[in-house]
C-alpha cells in the first residue's frame, strides 16, 4: 500500500491530506476496511494525529463523503459562456473524466450503501443533490429564456429532475462499462435525449447532424 507523504502544513491543509488518505483507503478497502489505523498508515502519521483533527472515524468519513460529492459537482457548476454553451458543457463534464471514472464510482458506491442508514451522510447527500439540481435548474432557465421558451420555475424544476436522472444513469453506465461504448457515445446520447426533452437543439444544427 503506497503511503502519502505527510508534511508540516497549515491546519486546513493537514485536514485535507488526511481526508485524501481516507479516500485512498476507501477506494482500496471499502468503508469497513478504512480503519483509523489504515488511514494513519496511508497518510504516514499516527492514529493520534487523526484523532486530533477528527472526533471519530464517522467524522472523517463524513468529511470524506462531502469531498466526494463536491468533486462530482464542482467542475460542472463552474461552467462559463453563453447559456447554450454552459448547459452543453455541464452535460459533457458530468459524463467524462475526471467526474466519470472507476475511482469516482468506487467511492460513490461505498458511501451510497450507508446513506439510507446514516443521518449525517444522508444530510450531506441531500445537500449535494440539491446543490447540483439547483445549478442545473439555473442553467436550464437561462437557456430556455434565451430561446424565448417557457422558463417557469415549475417547468425548470421538472426538467432538472429528469435531466439529472438521465445523467445519473449514463454516468453509472460509463463508469461500470465504459469499454462497451464508443468515444463520446454516452455524451451524444445525453445531448440528443436532452434536446428531445427540451424540444430545442443544444448544438448548431450542422454540428448535431454531423455527430449523428
C-alpha atoms as a PDB file:
ATOM      1  CA  UNK A   1       0.000   0.000   0.000  1.00  0.00           C
ATOM      2  CA  UNK A   2       1.525   3.306  -1.088  1.00  0.00           C
ATOM      3  CA  UNK A   3       1.770   5.951   1.600  1.00  0.00           C
ATOM      4  CA  UNK A   4       1.157   9.635   1.168  1.00  0.00           C
ATOM      5  CA  UNK A   5       3.971  11.956   2.189  1.00  0.00           C
ATOM      6  CA  UNK A   6       2.705  13.889   5.173  1.00  0.00           C
ATOM      7  CA  UNK A   7       4.410  17.186   5.868  1.00  0.00           C
ATOM      8  CA  UNK A   8       4.123  20.122   8.208  1.00  0.00           C
ATOM      9  CA  UNK A   9       1.461  22.425   6.859  1.00  0.00           C
ATOM     10  CA  UNK A  10      -1.359  24.733   7.921  1.00  0.00           C
ATOM     11  CA  UNK A  11      -4.241  23.046   9.757  1.00  0.00           C
ATOM     12  CA  UNK A  12      -6.624  23.155   6.791  1.00  0.00           C
ATOM     13  CA  UNK A  13      -4.061  21.504   4.548  1.00  0.00           C
ATOM     14  CA  UNK A  14      -3.340  18.817   7.114  1.00  0.00           C
ATOM     15  CA  UNK A  15      -7.051  18.020   7.405  1.00  0.00           C
ATOM     16  CA  UNK A  16      -7.290  17.845   3.631  1.00  0.00           C
ATOM     17  CA  UNK A  17      -4.316  15.455   3.421  1.00  0.00           C
ATOM     18  CA  UNK A  18      -5.968  13.172   5.973  1.00  0.00           C
ATOM     19  CA  UNK A  19      -9.260  13.219   4.082  1.00  0.00           C
ATOM     20  CA  UNK A  20      -7.406  12.340   0.865  1.00  0.00           C
ATOM     21  CA  UNK A  21      -5.735   9.421   2.652  1.00  0.00           C
ATOM     22  CA  UNK A  22      -9.174   8.317   3.849  1.00  0.00           C
ATOM     23  CA  UNK A  23     -10.493   8.324   0.287  1.00  0.00           C
ATOM     24  CA  UNK A  24      -7.473   6.289  -0.838  1.00  0.00           C
ATOM     25  CA  UNK A  25      -8.253   3.714   1.850  1.00  0.00           C
ATOM     26  CA  UNK A  26     -11.952   3.578   0.973  1.00  0.00           C
ATOM     27  CA  UNK A  27     -11.159   3.098  -2.719  1.00  0.00           C
ATOM     28  CA  UNK A  28      -8.766   0.273  -1.812  1.00  0.00           C
ATOM     29  CA  UNK A  29     -10.502  -1.432   1.131  1.00  0.00           C
ATOM     30  CA  UNK A  30     -14.068  -0.140   1.269  1.00  0.00           C
ATOM     31  CA  UNK A  31     -15.679   1.688   4.192  1.00  0.00           C
ATOM     32  CA  UNK A  32     -15.220  -1.137   6.669  1.00  0.00           C
ATOM     33  CA  UNK A  33     -11.553  -1.555   5.794  1.00  0.00           C
ATOM     34  CA  UNK A  34     -10.835   2.159   6.067  1.00  0.00           C
ATOM     35  CA  UNK A  35      -9.953   1.997   9.757  1.00  0.00           C
ATOM     36  CA  UNK A  36      -8.230   4.805  11.625  1.00  0.00           C
ATOM     37  CA  UNK A  37      -5.113   2.618  11.694  1.00  0.00           C
ATOM     38  CA  UNK A  38      -5.163   2.078   7.924  1.00  0.00           C
ATOM     39  CA  UNK A  39      -5.795   5.778   7.289  1.00  0.00           C
ATOM     40  CA  UNK A  40      -2.849   6.646   9.543  1.00  0.00           C
ATOM     41  CA  UNK A  41      -0.599   4.218   7.667  1.00  0.00           C
ATOM     42  CA  UNK A  42      -1.720   5.593   4.319  1.00  0.00           C
ATOM     43  CA  UNK A  43      -1.135   9.181   5.488  1.00  0.00           C
ATOM     44  CA  UNK A  44       2.165   8.356   7.149  1.00  0.00           C
ATOM     45  CA  UNK A  45       1.058   9.715  10.535  1.00  0.00           C
ATOM     46  CA  UNK A  46      -0.008   8.397  13.910  1.00  0.00           C
ATOM     47  CA  UNK A  47      -3.612   7.493  14.733  1.00  0.00           C
ATOM     48  CA  UNK A  48      -3.391  10.087  17.499  1.00  0.00           C
ATOM     49  CA  UNK A  49      -2.889  12.866  14.951  1.00  0.00           C
ATOM     50  CA  UNK A  50      -6.015  11.796  13.108  1.00  0.00           C
ATOM     51  CA  UNK A  51      -7.995  11.925  16.356  1.00  0.00           C
ATOM     52  CA  UNK A  52      -6.612  15.412  16.933  1.00  0.00           C
ATOM     53  CA  UNK A  53      -8.300  16.643  13.747  1.00  0.00           C
ATOM     54  CA  UNK A  54     -11.387  14.424  13.710  1.00  0.00           C
ATOM     55  CA  UNK A  55     -13.563  13.416  16.634  1.00  0.00           C
ATOM     56  CA  UNK A  56     -14.136   9.876  15.335  1.00  0.00           C
ATOM     57  CA  UNK A  57     -13.928   7.629  12.300  1.00  0.00           C
ATOM     58  CA  UNK A  58     -17.518   8.621  11.497  1.00  0.00           C
ATOM     59  CA  UNK A  59     -16.495  12.288  11.453  1.00  0.00           C
ATOM     60  CA  UNK A  60     -13.646  11.781   8.978  1.00  0.00           C
ATOM     61  CA  UNK A  61     -15.906   9.610   6.789  1.00  0.00           C
ATOM     62  CA  UNK A  62     -18.482  12.392   6.710  1.00  0.00           C
ATOM     63  CA  UNK A  63     -15.874  14.905   5.595  1.00  0.00           C
ATOM     64  CA  UNK A  64     -14.576  12.435   3.013  1.00  0.00           C
ATOM     65  CA  UNK A  65     -18.076  11.993   1.562  1.00  0.00           C
ATOM     66  CA  UNK A  66     -18.528  15.745   1.460  1.00  0.00           C
ATOM     67  CA  UNK A  67     -15.366  15.946  -0.676  1.00  0.00           C
ATOM     68  CA  UNK A  68     -16.561  13.143  -2.962  1.00  0.00           C
ATOM     69  CA  UNK A  69     -19.839  14.978  -3.586  1.00  0.00           C
ATOM     70  CA  UNK A  70     -18.018  18.274  -4.157  1.00  0.00           C
ATOM     71  CA  UNK A  71     -15.724  16.712  -6.753  1.00  0.00           C
ATOM     72  CA  UNK A  72     -18.666  15.208  -8.603  1.00  0.00           C
ATOM     73  CA  UNK A  73     -20.356  18.600  -8.882  1.00  0.00           C
ATOM     74  CA  UNK A  74     -17.893  21.485  -8.608  1.00  0.00           C
ATOM     75  CA  UNK A  75     -16.456  21.371 -12.137  1.00  0.00           C
ATOM     76  CA  UNK A  76     -19.902  21.275 -13.691  1.00  0.00           C
ATOM     77  CA  UNK A  77     -21.089  24.185 -11.555  1.00  0.00           C
ATOM     78  CA  UNK A  78     -18.242  26.418 -12.790  1.00  0.00           C
ATOM     79  CA  UNK A  79     -19.119  26.393 -16.481  1.00  0.00           C
ATOM     80  CA  UNK A  80     -18.876  29.707 -18.344  1.00  0.00           C
ATOM     81  CA  UNK A  81     -20.044  31.199 -21.620  1.00  0.00           C
ATOM     82  CA  UNK A  82     -23.430  31.807 -23.200  1.00  0.00           C
ATOM     83  CA  UNK A  83     -26.469  29.833 -21.924  1.00  0.00           C
ATOM     84  CA  UNK A  84     -26.223  27.167 -24.638  1.00  0.00           C
ATOM     85  CA  UNK A  85     -22.506  26.599 -24.074  1.00  0.00           C
ATOM     86  CA  UNK A  86     -22.854  26.453 -20.292  1.00  0.00           C
ATOM     87  CA  UNK A  87     -25.655  23.885 -20.409  1.00  0.00           C
ATOM     88  CA  UNK A  88     -23.878  21.770 -23.017  1.00  0.00           C
ATOM     89  CA  UNK A  89     -20.573  21.854 -21.116  1.00  0.00           C
ATOM     90  CA  UNK A  90     -22.373  20.959 -17.888  1.00  0.00           C
ATOM     91  CA  UNK A  91     -23.677  17.807 -19.562  1.00  0.00           C
ATOM     92  CA  UNK A  92     -20.324  16.862 -21.113  1.00  0.00           C
ATOM     93  CA  UNK A  93     -18.361  17.388 -17.886  1.00  0.00           C
ATOM     94  CA  UNK A  94     -20.638  15.046 -15.959  1.00  0.00           C
ATOM     95  CA  UNK A  95     -20.054  12.190 -18.407  1.00  0.00           C
ATOM     96  CA  UNK A  96     -16.310  12.455 -18.956  1.00  0.00           C
ATOM     97  CA  UNK A  97     -13.078  12.248 -16.950  1.00  0.00           C
ATOM     98  CA  UNK A  98     -12.394  13.040 -14.160  1.00  0.00           C
ATOM     99  CA  UNK A  99     -16.041  13.026 -12.990  1.00  0.00           C
ATOM    100  CA  UNK A 100     -16.834   9.743 -14.744  1.00  0.00           C
ATOM    101  CA  UNK A 101     -14.214   7.123 -13.876  1.00  0.00           C
ATOM    102  CA  UNK A 102     -13.872   3.892 -11.897  1.00  0.00           C
ATOM    103  CA  UNK A 103     -12.489   5.606  -8.790  1.00  0.00           C
ATOM    104  CA  UNK A 104     -15.413   8.037  -8.615  1.00  0.00           C
ATOM    105  CA  UNK A 105     -17.812   5.097  -8.929  1.00  0.00           C
ATOM    106  CA  UNK A 106     -15.989   3.066  -6.278  1.00  0.00           C
ATOM    107  CA  UNK A 107     -16.097   5.899  -3.765  1.00  0.00           C
ATOM    108  CA  UNK A 108     -19.711   6.798  -4.557  1.00  0.00           C
ATOM    109  CA  UNK A 109     -20.841   3.164  -4.244  1.00  0.00           C
ATOM    110  CA  UNK A 110     -19.030   2.740  -0.922  1.00  0.00           C
ATOM    111  CA  UNK A 111     -20.833   5.700   0.600  1.00  0.00           C
ATOM    112  CA  UNK A 112     -24.248   5.314  -1.022  1.00  0.00           C
ATOM    113  CA  UNK A 113     -24.777   1.999   0.762  1.00  0.00           C
ATOM    114  CA  UNK A 114     -24.617   3.877   4.066  1.00  0.00           C
ATOM    115  CA  UNK A 115     -26.691   6.925   3.157  1.00  0.00           C
ATOM    116  CA  UNK A 116     -30.036   5.281   3.988  1.00  0.00           C
ATOM    117  CA  UNK A 117     -28.915   4.296   7.492  1.00  0.00           C
ATOM    118  CA  UNK A 118     -26.632   7.188   8.484  1.00  0.00           C
ATOM    119  CA  UNK A 119     -28.451  10.508   9.046  1.00  0.00           C
ATOM    120  CA  UNK A 120     -25.283  12.602   8.747  1.00  0.00           C
ATOM    121  CA  UNK A 121     -24.281  11.033   5.434  1.00  0.00           C
ATOM    122  CA  UNK A 122     -27.890  11.355   4.262  1.00  0.00           C
ATOM    123  CA  UNK A 123     -27.817  15.081   5.027  1.00  0.00           C
ATOM    124  CA  UNK A 124     -24.564  15.514   3.080  1.00  0.00           C
ATOM    125  CA  UNK A 125     -26.025  13.551   0.174  1.00  0.00           C
ATOM    126  CA  UNK A 126     -29.208  15.630   0.161  1.00  0.00           C
ATOM    127  CA  UNK A 127     -27.222  18.870   0.300  1.00  0.00           C
ATOM    128  CA  UNK A 128     -25.068  17.790  -2.642  1.00  0.00           C
ATOM    129  CA  UNK A 129     -28.050  16.632  -4.675  1.00  0.00           C
ATOM    130  CA  UNK A 130     -29.951  19.866  -4.151  1.00  0.00           C
ATOM    131  CA  UNK A 131     -26.898  21.977  -4.947  1.00  0.00           C
ATOM    132  CA  UNK A 132     -26.387  20.077  -8.206  1.00  0.00           C
ATOM    133  CA  UNK A 133     -30.061  20.204  -9.151  1.00  0.00           C
ATOM    134  CA  UNK A 134     -30.323  23.901  -8.351  1.00  0.00           C
ATOM    135  CA  UNK A 135     -27.315  24.612 -10.575  1.00  0.00           C
ATOM    136  CA  UNK A 136     -28.940  22.581 -13.349  1.00  0.00           C
ATOM    137  CA  UNK A 137     -32.262  24.400 -12.902  1.00  0.00           C
ATOM    138  CA  UNK A 138     -30.496  27.737 -13.250  1.00  0.00           C
ATOM    139  CA  UNK A 139     -28.708  26.617 -16.427  1.00  0.00           C
ATOM    140  CA  UNK A 140     -31.966  25.353 -17.912  1.00  0.00           C
ATOM    141  CA  UNK A 141     -33.800  28.572 -17.018  1.00  0.00           C
ATOM    142  CA  UNK A 142     -31.129  30.706 -18.684  1.00  0.00           C
ATOM    143  CA  UNK A 143     -31.075  28.502 -21.779  1.00  0.00           C
ATOM    144  CA  UNK A 144     -34.856  28.422 -22.191  1.00  0.00           C
ATOM    145  CA  UNK A 145     -35.211  32.149 -21.572  1.00  0.00           C
ATOM    146  CA  UNK A 146     -32.525  32.875 -24.166  1.00  0.00           C
ATOM    147  CA  UNK A 147     -34.517  30.807 -26.680  1.00  0.00           C
ATOM    148  CA  UNK A 148     -37.791  32.542 -25.802  1.00  0.00           C
ATOM    149  CA  UNK A 149     -39.251  29.305 -24.410  1.00  0.00           C
ATOM    150  CA  UNK A 150     -41.216  28.653 -21.220  1.00  0.00           C
ATOM    151  CA  UNK A 151     -38.680  29.071 -18.390  1.00  0.00           C
ATOM    152  CA  UNK A 152     -41.121  28.976 -15.487  1.00  0.00           C
ATOM    153  CA  UNK A 153     -39.738  27.680 -12.162  1.00  0.00           C
ATOM    154  CA  UNK A 154     -42.128  24.711 -12.222  1.00  0.00           C
ATOM    155  CA  UNK A 155     -41.037  23.612 -15.697  1.00  0.00           C
ATOM    156  CA  UNK A 156     -37.331  24.101 -14.955  1.00  0.00           C
ATOM    157  CA  UNK A 157     -37.645  22.084 -11.754  1.00  0.00           C
ATOM    158  CA  UNK A 158     -39.277  19.154 -13.556  1.00  0.00           C
ATOM    159  CA  UNK A 159     -36.758  19.301 -16.372  1.00  0.00           C
ATOM    160  CA  UNK A 160     -33.862  19.425 -13.897  1.00  0.00           C
ATOM    161  CA  UNK A 161     -35.165  16.303 -12.145  1.00  0.00           C
ATOM    162  CA  UNK A 162     -35.474  14.484 -15.482  1.00  0.00           C
ATOM    163  CA  UNK A 163     -32.089  15.599 -16.820  1.00  0.00           C
ATOM    164  CA  UNK A 164     -30.398  14.768 -13.532  1.00  0.00           C
ATOM    165  CA  UNK A 165     -31.875  11.258 -13.623  1.00  0.00           C
ATOM    166  CA  UNK A 166     -30.691  10.794 -17.207  1.00  0.00           C
ATOM    167  CA  UNK A 167     -27.164  11.977 -16.391  1.00  0.00           C
ATOM    168  CA  UNK A 168     -27.015   9.746 -13.313  1.00  0.00           C
ATOM    169  CA  UNK A 169     -27.921   6.684 -15.354  1.00  0.00           C
ATOM    170  CA  UNK A 170     -25.456   7.393 -18.152  1.00  0.00           C
ATOM    171  CA  UNK A 171     -22.711   8.260 -15.642  1.00  0.00           C
ATOM    172  CA  UNK A 172     -23.258   4.899 -13.952  1.00  0.00           C
ATOM    173  CA  UNK A 173     -23.142   3.016 -17.270  1.00  0.00           C
ATOM    174  CA  UNK A 174     -19.988   4.839 -18.323  1.00  0.00           C
ATOM    175  CA  UNK A 175     -18.221   4.136 -15.037  1.00  0.00           C
ATOM    176  CA  UNK A 176     -19.265   0.481 -14.920  1.00  0.00           C
ATOM    177  CA  UNK A 177     -18.753  -0.491 -18.543  1.00  0.00           C
ATOM    178  CA  UNK A 178     -17.148   2.370 -20.423  1.00  0.00           C
ATOM    179  CA  UNK A 179     -15.377  -0.041 -22.770  1.00  0.00           C
ATOM    180  CA  UNK A 180     -18.738  -1.046 -24.263  1.00  0.00           C
ATOM    181  CA  UNK A 181     -19.361   2.417 -25.690  1.00  0.00           C
ATOM    182  CA  UNK A 182     -17.706   4.376 -28.464  1.00  0.00           C
ATOM    183  CA  UNK A 183     -15.807   7.571 -27.784  1.00  0.00           C
ATOM    184  CA  UNK A 184     -18.268  10.293 -26.771  1.00  0.00           C
ATOM    185  CA  UNK A 185     -21.196   7.919 -27.397  1.00  0.00           C
ATOM    186  CA  UNK A 186     -22.762   8.487 -23.986  1.00  0.00           C
ATOM    187  CA  UNK A 187     -22.321  12.249 -24.347  1.00  0.00           C
ATOM    188  CA  UNK A 188     -24.094  12.087 -27.709  1.00  0.00           C
ATOM    189  CA  UNK A 189     -26.929  10.025 -26.195  1.00  0.00           C
ATOM    190  CA  UNK A 190     -27.275  12.570 -23.401  1.00  0.00           C
ATOM    191  CA  UNK A 191     -27.308  15.598 -25.689  1.00  0.00           C
ATOM    192  CA  UNK A 192     -29.802  14.033 -28.090  1.00  0.00           C
ATOM    193  CA  UNK A 193     -32.107  12.916 -25.267  1.00  0.00           C
ATOM    194  CA  UNK A 194     -31.999  16.281 -23.517  1.00  0.00           C
ATOM    195  CA  UNK A 195     -32.669  18.105 -26.774  1.00  0.00           C
ATOM    196  CA  UNK A 196     -35.775  15.931 -27.104  1.00  0.00           C
ATOM    197  CA  UNK A 197     -36.859  16.748 -23.561  1.00  0.00           C
ATOM    198  CA  UNK A 198     -36.396  20.468 -24.133  1.00  0.00           C
ATOM    199  CA  UNK A 199     -37.775  20.483 -27.657  1.00  0.00           C
ATOM    200  CA  UNK A 200     -34.805  22.645 -28.597  1.00  0.00           C
ATOM    201  CA  UNK A 201     -31.324  21.967 -30.029  1.00  0.00           C
ATOM    202  CA  UNK A 202     -28.317  22.301 -27.741  1.00  0.00           C
ATOM    203  CA  UNK A 203     -25.937  22.475 -30.680  1.00  0.00           C
ATOM    204  CA  UNK A 204     -25.909  24.158 -34.064  1.00  0.00           C
ATOM    205  CA  UNK A 205     -27.963  22.077 -36.487  1.00  0.00           C
ATOM    206  CA  UNK A 206     -24.966  21.208 -38.682  1.00  0.00           C
ATOM    207  CA  UNK A 207     -22.912  20.052 -35.660  1.00  0.00           C
ATOM    208  CA  UNK A 208     -25.745  17.904 -34.321  1.00  0.00           C
ATOM    209  CA  UNK A 209     -26.276  16.323 -37.753  1.00  0.00           C
ATOM    210  CA  UNK A 210     -22.559  15.578 -38.107  1.00  0.00           C
ATOM    211  CA  UNK A 211     -22.495  13.817 -34.734  1.00  0.00           C
ATOM    212  CA  UNK A 212     -25.324  11.560 -35.790  1.00  0.00           C
END
